[in-house]
Structures are given as C-alpha cells and as structure tokens.
Amino acid sequence: MALKDYSDEFRADAVALYESTPGATYKGIAADLAVSRGSLREWVVRARAQRGEAPGRPPT
C-alpha cells in the first residue's frame, strides 16, 4: 500500500475534529476521513506534544 501525503491543514482539521467530537474514537474518525487509525493517532499525539499537553483525551 502506498503512503499518502496529507497536507498540514488536513492533519490539523482531522485532529480538531477528533478532539471536538464527544465520544469520538480514532477508529471512527479515521474511517470517516478515509485515513488509517494509526495515522490519526500519530497526528493527535504530535499536535498535543506541540501544545505541551500530555497524551490522552482532554478532560470534559
């Protein structure tokens, strides 16, 4: 399977969608966006690290 190159904007939008959707799962959001679960998880982890946040879902 070939690797896809997603734009920074797409990745940021995917992270925002995941983080703003109550009860969202990596699997569900990834399926909606047609990306792998692992890619979405990595994008979320990186975005949180860049913001200085710990991994995991933010408190609600």
PDB file of N, CA and C in Angstrom:
ATOM      1  N   MET A   1       0.839  -1.175   0.000  1.00  0.00           N
ATOM      2  CA  MET A   1       0.000   0.000   0.000  1.00  0.00           C
ATOM      3  C   MET A   1       0.888   1.243   0.000  1.00  0.00           C
ATOM      4  N   ALA A   2       0.593   2.188  -0.855  1.00  0.00           N
ATOM      5  CA  ALA A   2       1.385   3.408  -0.961  1.00  0.00           C
ATOM      6  C   ALA A   2       1.047   4.366   0.178  1.00  0.00           C
ATOM      7  N   LEU A   3       2.064   5.071   0.635  1.00  0.00           N
ATOM      8  CA  LEU A   3       1.846   6.078   1.666  1.00  0.00           C
ATOM      9  C   LEU A   3       1.225   7.313   1.033  1.00  0.00           C
ATOM     10  N   LYS A   4       0.252   7.903   1.720  1.00  0.00           N
ATOM     11  CA  LYS A   4      -0.372   9.123   1.231  1.00  0.00           C
ATOM     12  C   LYS A   4       0.246  10.303   1.952  1.00  0.00           C
ATOM     13  N   ASP A   5       0.352  11.411   1.251  1.00  0.00           N
ATOM     14  CA  ASP A   5       0.903  12.624   1.830  1.00  0.00           C
ATOM     15  C   ASP A   5      -0.250  13.591   2.074  1.00  0.00           C
ATOM     16  N   TYR A   6      -0.601  13.784   3.337  1.00  0.00           N
ATOM     17  CA  TYR A   6      -1.700  14.669   3.701  1.00  0.00           C
ATOM     18  C   TYR A   6      -1.144  16.047   4.040  1.00  0.00           C
ATOM     19  N   SER A   7      -1.876  17.077   3.665  1.00  0.00           N
ATOM     20  CA  SER A   7      -1.428  18.441   3.947  1.00  0.00           C
ATOM     21  C   SER A   7      -1.487  18.717   5.448  1.00  0.00           C
ATOM     22  N   ASP A   8      -0.712  19.696   5.873  1.00  0.00           N
ATOM     23  CA  ASP A   8      -0.733  20.105   7.281  1.00  0.00           C
ATOM     24  C   ASP A   8      -2.132  20.560   7.683  1.00  0.00           C
ATOM     25  N   GLU A   9      -2.817  21.238   6.770  1.00  0.00           N
ATOM     26  CA  GLU A   9      -4.174  21.712   7.051  1.00  0.00           C
ATOM     27  C   GLU A   9      -5.127  20.535   7.264  1.00  0.00           C
ATOM     28  N   PHE A  10      -5.025  19.511   6.421  1.00  0.00           N
ATOM     29  CA  PHE A  10      -5.875  18.334   6.567  1.00  0.00           C
ATOM     30  C   PHE A  10      -5.621  17.661   7.912  1.00  0.00           C
ATOM     31  N   ARG A  11      -4.348  17.516   8.264  1.00  0.00           N
ATOM     32  CA  ARG A  11      -3.993  16.883   9.541  1.00  0.00           C
ATOM     33  C   ARG A  11      -4.537  17.687  10.719  1.00  0.00           C
ATOM     34  N   ALA A  12      -4.373  19.004  10.658  1.00  0.00           N
ATOM     35  CA  ALA A  12      -4.871  19.866  11.739  1.00  0.00           C
ATOM     36  C   ALA A  12      -6.389  19.780  11.845  1.00  0.00           C
ATOM     37  N   ASP A  13      -7.067  19.751  10.708  1.00  0.00           N
ATOM     38  CA  ASP A  13      -8.527  19.628  10.714  1.00  0.00           C
ATOM     39  C   ASP A  13      -8.961  18.281  11.280  1.00  0.00           C
ATOM     40  N   ALA A  14      -8.232  17.230  10.948  1.00  0.00           N
ATOM     41  CA  ALA A  14      -8.550  15.894  11.461  1.00  0.00           C
ATOM     42  C   ALA A  14      -8.389  15.849  12.974  1.00  0.00           C
ATOM     43  N   VAL A  15      -7.316  16.445  13.473  1.00  0.00           N
ATOM     44  CA  VAL A  15      -7.081  16.500  14.922  1.00  0.00           C
ATOM     45  C   VAL A  15      -8.195  17.296  15.593  1.00  0.00           C
ATOM     46  N   ALA A  16      -8.543  18.437  15.024  1.00  0.00           N
ATOM     47  CA  ALA A  16      -9.599  19.273  15.597  1.00  0.00           C
ATOM     48  C   ALA A  16     -10.933  18.528  15.627  1.00  0.00           C
ATOM     49  N   LEU A  17     -11.232  17.800  14.569  1.00  0.00           N
ATOM     50  CA  LEU A  17     -12.468  17.025  14.524  1.00  0.00           C
ATOM     51  C   LEU A  17     -12.477  15.967  15.615  1.00  0.00           C
ATOM     52  N   TYR A  18     -11.386  15.247  15.752  1.00  0.00           N
ATOM     53  CA  TYR A  18     -11.287  14.211  16.785  1.00  0.00           C
ATOM     54  C   TYR A  18     -11.460  14.815  18.177  1.00  0.00           C
ATOM     55  N   GLU A  19     -10.757  15.904  18.430  1.00  0.00           N
ATOM     56  CA  GLU A  19     -10.774  16.495  19.765  1.00  0.00           C
ATOM     57  C   GLU A  19     -12.087  17.199  20.099  1.00  0.00           C
ATOM     58  N   SER A  20     -12.836  17.609  19.096  1.00  0.00           N
ATOM     59  CA  SER A  20     -14.080  18.344  19.347  1.00  0.00           C
ATOM     60  C   SER A  20     -15.328  17.469  19.286  1.00  0.00           C
ATOM     61  N   THR A  21     -15.158  16.189  18.992  1.00  0.00           N
ATOM     62  CA  THR A  21     -16.297  15.287  18.875  1.00  0.00           C
ATOM     63  C   THR A  21     -16.423  14.445  20.139  1.00  0.00           C
ATOM     64  N   PRO A  22     -17.448  14.703  20.956  1.00  0.00           N
ATOM     65  CA  PRO A  22     -17.618  13.916  22.180  1.00  0.00           C
ATOM     66  C   PRO A  22     -17.775  12.425  21.863  1.00  0.00           C
ATOM     67  N   GLY A  23     -17.044  11.609  22.573  1.00  0.00           N
ATOM     68  CA  GLY A  23     -17.137  10.164  22.394  1.00  0.00           C
ATOM     69  C   GLY A  23     -16.461   9.626  21.149  1.00  0.00           C
ATOM     70  N   ALA A  24     -15.730  10.477  20.444  1.00  0.00           N
ATOM     71  CA  ALA A  24     -15.071  10.042  19.210  1.00  0.00           C
ATOM     72  C   ALA A  24     -13.992   9.012  19.511  1.00  0.00           C
ATOM     73  N   THR A  25     -13.798   8.128  18.556  1.00  0.00           N
ATOM     74  CA  THR A  25     -12.706   7.160  18.636  1.00  0.00           C
ATOM     75  C   THR A  25     -11.791   7.388  17.439  1.00  0.00           C
ATOM     76  N   TYR A  26     -10.538   6.963  17.600  1.00  0.00           N
ATOM     77  CA  TYR A  26      -9.625   7.052  16.458  1.00  0.00           C
ATOM     78  C   TYR A  26     -10.206   6.276  15.283  1.00  0.00           C
ATOM     79  N   LYS A  27     -10.726   5.106  15.561  1.00  0.00           N
ATOM     80  CA  LYS A  27     -11.259   4.244  14.506  1.00  0.00           C
ATOM     81  C   LYS A  27     -12.404   4.929  13.756  1.00  0.00           C
ATOM     82  N   GLY A  28     -13.331   5.526  14.492  1.00  0.00           N
ATOM     83  CA  GLY A  28     -14.492   6.156  13.864  1.00  0.00           C
ATOM     84  C   GLY A  28     -14.134   7.369  13.025  1.00  0.00           C
ATOM     85  N   ILE A  29     -13.331   8.260  13.593  1.00  0.00           N
ATOM     86  CA  ILE A  29     -12.947   9.466  12.854  1.00  0.00           C
ATOM     87  C   ILE A  29     -12.072   9.096  11.662  1.00  0.00           C
ATOM     88  N   ALA A  30     -11.153   8.164  11.854  1.00  0.00           N
ATOM     89  CA  ALA A  30     -10.286   7.731  10.752  1.00  0.00           C
ATOM     90  C   ALA A  30     -11.111   7.161   9.605  1.00  0.00           C
ATOM     91  N   ALA A  31     -12.119   6.361   9.934  1.00  0.00           N
ATOM     92  CA  ALA A  31     -12.978   5.793   8.888  1.00  0.00           C
ATOM     93  C   ALA A  31     -13.730   6.897   8.151  1.00  0.00           C
ATOM     94  N   ASP A  32     -14.241   7.882   8.891  1.00  0.00           N
ATOM     95  CA  ASP A  32     -14.960   8.995   8.263  1.00  0.00           C
ATOM     96  C   ASP A  32     -14.068   9.770   7.297  1.00  0.00           C
ATOM     97  N   LEU A  33     -12.783   9.882   7.633  1.00  0.00           N
ATOM     98  CA  LEU A  33     -11.849  10.664   6.816  1.00  0.00           C
ATOM     99  C   LEU A  33     -11.056   9.815   5.820  1.00  0.00           C
ATOM    100  N   ALA A  34     -11.263   8.505   5.852  1.00  0.00           N
ATOM    101  CA  ALA A  34     -10.553   7.571   4.969  1.00  0.00           C
ATOM    102  C   ALA A  34      -9.037   7.636   5.171  1.00  0.00           C
ATOM    103  N   VAL A  35      -8.633   7.665   6.453  1.00  0.00           N
ATOM    104  CA  VAL A  35      -7.216   7.594   6.811  1.00  0.00           C
ATOM    105  C   VAL A  35      -7.050   6.426   7.767  1.00  0.00           C
ATOM    106  N   SER A  36      -5.826   6.018   8.004  1.00  0.00           N
ATOM    107  CA  SER A  36      -5.621   4.910   8.932  1.00  0.00           C
ATOM    108  C   SER A  36      -5.756   5.399  10.370  1.00  0.00           C
ATOM    109  N   ARG A  37      -6.182   4.501  11.230  1.00  0.00           N
ATOM    110  CA  ARG A  37      -6.325   4.805  12.648  1.00  0.00           C
ATOM    111  C   ARG A  37      -4.978   5.231  13.230  1.00  0.00           C
ATOM    112  N   GLY A  38      -3.935   4.536  12.819  1.00  0.00           N
ATOM    113  CA  GLY A  38      -2.597   4.849  13.308  1.00  0.00           C
ATOM    114  C   GLY A  38      -2.125   6.238  12.906  1.00  0.00           C
ATOM    115  N   SER A  39      -2.442   6.638  11.689  1.00  0.00           N
ATOM    116  CA  SER A  39      -2.060   7.983  11.238  1.00  0.00           C
ATOM    117  C   SER A  39      -2.761   9.045  12.072  1.00  0.00           C
ATOM    118  N   LEU A  40      -4.065   8.885  12.258  1.00  0.00           N
ATOM    119  CA  LEU A  40      -4.814   9.860  13.047  1.00  0.00           C
ATOM    120  C   LEU A  40      -4.271   9.935  14.465  1.00  0.00           C
ATOM    121  N   ARG A  41      -4.005   8.796  15.061  1.00  0.00           N
ATOM    122  CA  ARG A  41      -3.474   8.776  16.424  1.00  0.00           C
ATOM    123  C   ARG A  41      -2.139   9.518  16.487  1.00  0.00           C
ATOM    124  N   GLU A  42      -1.276   9.269  15.526  1.00  0.00           N
ATOM    125  CA  GLU A  42       0.033   9.936  15.495  1.00  0.00           C
ATOM    126  C   GLU A  42      -0.128  11.449  15.360  1.00  0.00           C
ATOM    127  N   TRP A  43      -1.053  11.888  14.519  1.00  0.00           N
ATOM    128  CA  TRP A  43      -1.281  13.319  14.346  1.00  0.00           C
ATOM    129  C   TRP A  43      -1.762  13.950  15.650  1.00  0.00           C
ATOM    130  N   VAL A  44      -2.652  13.260  16.355  1.00  0.00           N
ATOM    131  CA  VAL A  44      -3.171  13.776  17.624  1.00  0.00           C
ATOM    132  C   VAL A  44      -2.051  13.852  18.657  1.00  0.00           C
ATOM    133  N   VAL A  45      -1.264  12.796  18.762  1.00  0.00           N
ATOM    134  CA  VAL A  45      -0.153  12.772  19.720  1.00  0.00           C
ATOM    135  C   VAL A  45       0.830  13.905  19.427  1.00  0.00           C
ATOM    136  N   ARG A  46       1.170  14.095  18.168  1.00  0.00           N
ATOM    137  CA  ARG A  46       2.113  15.163  17.795  1.00  0.00           C
ATOM    138  C   ARG A  46       1.541  16.547  18.082  1.00  0.00           C
ATOM    139  N   ALA A  47       0.267  16.746  17.761  1.00  0.00           N
ATOM    140  CA  ALA A  47      -0.366  18.047  17.996  1.00  0.00           C
ATOM    141  C   ALA A  47      -0.369  18.375  19.482  1.00  0.00           C
ATOM    142  N   ARG A  48      -0.676  17.393  20.299  1.00  0.00           N
ATOM    143  CA  ARG A  48      -0.690  17.621  21.749  1.00  0.00           C
ATOM    144  C   ARG A  48       0.709  17.892  22.275  1.00  0.00           C
ATOM    145  N   ALA A  49       1.688  17.193  21.757  1.00  0.00           N
ATOM    146  CA  ALA A  49       3.075  17.417  22.182  1.00  0.00           C
ATOM    147  C   ALA A  49       3.519  18.833  21.807  1.00  0.00           C
ATOM    148  N   GLN A  50       3.125  19.292  20.627  1.00  0.00           N
ATOM    149  CA  GLN A  50       3.488  20.643  20.189  1.00  0.00           C
ATOM    150  C   GLN A  50       2.849  21.706  21.074  1.00  0.00           C
ATOM    151  N   ARG A  51       1.677  21.391  21.634  1.00  0.00           N
ATOM    152  CA  ARG A  51       0.992  22.320  22.542  1.00  0.00           C
ATOM    153  C   ARG A  51       1.451  22.140  23.985  1.00  0.00           C
ATOM    154  N   GLY A  52       2.340  21.188  24.217  1.00  0.00           N
ATOM    155  CA  GLY A  52       2.842  20.940  25.560  1.00  0.00           C
ATOM    156  C   GLY A  52       1.877  20.176  26.442  1.00  0.00           C
ATOM    157  N   GLU A  53       0.938  19.463  25.828  1.00  0.00           N
ATOM    158  CA  GLU A  53      -0.057  18.698  26.574  1.00  0.00           C
ATOM    159  C   GLU A  53       0.375  17.245  26.692  1.00  0.00           C
ATOM    160  N   ALA A  54      -0.124  16.597  27.712  1.00  0.00           N
ATOM    161  CA  ALA A  54       0.123  15.166  27.887  1.00  0.00           C
ATOM    162  C   ALA A  54      -0.772  14.389  26.932  1.00  0.00           C
ATOM    163  N   PRO A  55      -0.346  13.192  26.524  1.00  0.00           N
ATOM    164  CA  PRO A  55      -1.199  12.361  25.675  1.00  0.00           C
ATOM    165  C   PRO A  55      -2.486  11.992  26.406  1.00  0.00           C
ATOM    166  N   GLY A  56      -3.504  11.671  25.654  1.00  0.00           N
ATOM    167  CA  GLY A  56      -4.791  11.289  26.231  1.00  0.00           C
ATOM    168  C   GLY A  56      -5.839  12.328  25.913  1.00  0.00           C
ATOM    169  N   ARG A  57      -7.077  11.964  26.128  1.00  0.00           N
ATOM    170  CA  ARG A  57      -8.181  12.879  25.855  1.00  0.00           C
ATOM    171  C   ARG A  57      -8.217  13.995  26.882  1.00  0.00           C
ATOM    172  N   PRO A  58      -8.511  15.219  26.439  1.00  0.00           N
ATOM    173  CA  PRO A  58      -8.636  16.311  27.400  1.00  0.00           C
ATOM    174  C   PRO A  58      -9.851  16.091  28.299  1.00  0.00           C
ATOM    175  N   PRO A  59      -9.836  16.603  29.513  1.00  0.00           N
ATOM    176  CA  PRO A  59     -10.997  16.439  30.392  1.00  0.00           C
ATOM    177  C   PRO A  59     -12.212  17.139  29.827  1.00  0.00           C
ATOM    178  N   THR A  60     -13.390  16.574  30.079  1.00  0.00           N
ATOM    179  CA  THR A  60     -14.632  17.185  29.575  1.00  0.00           C
ATOM    180  C   THR A  60     -15.427  17.787  30.693  1.00  0.00           C
TER     181      THR A  60
END
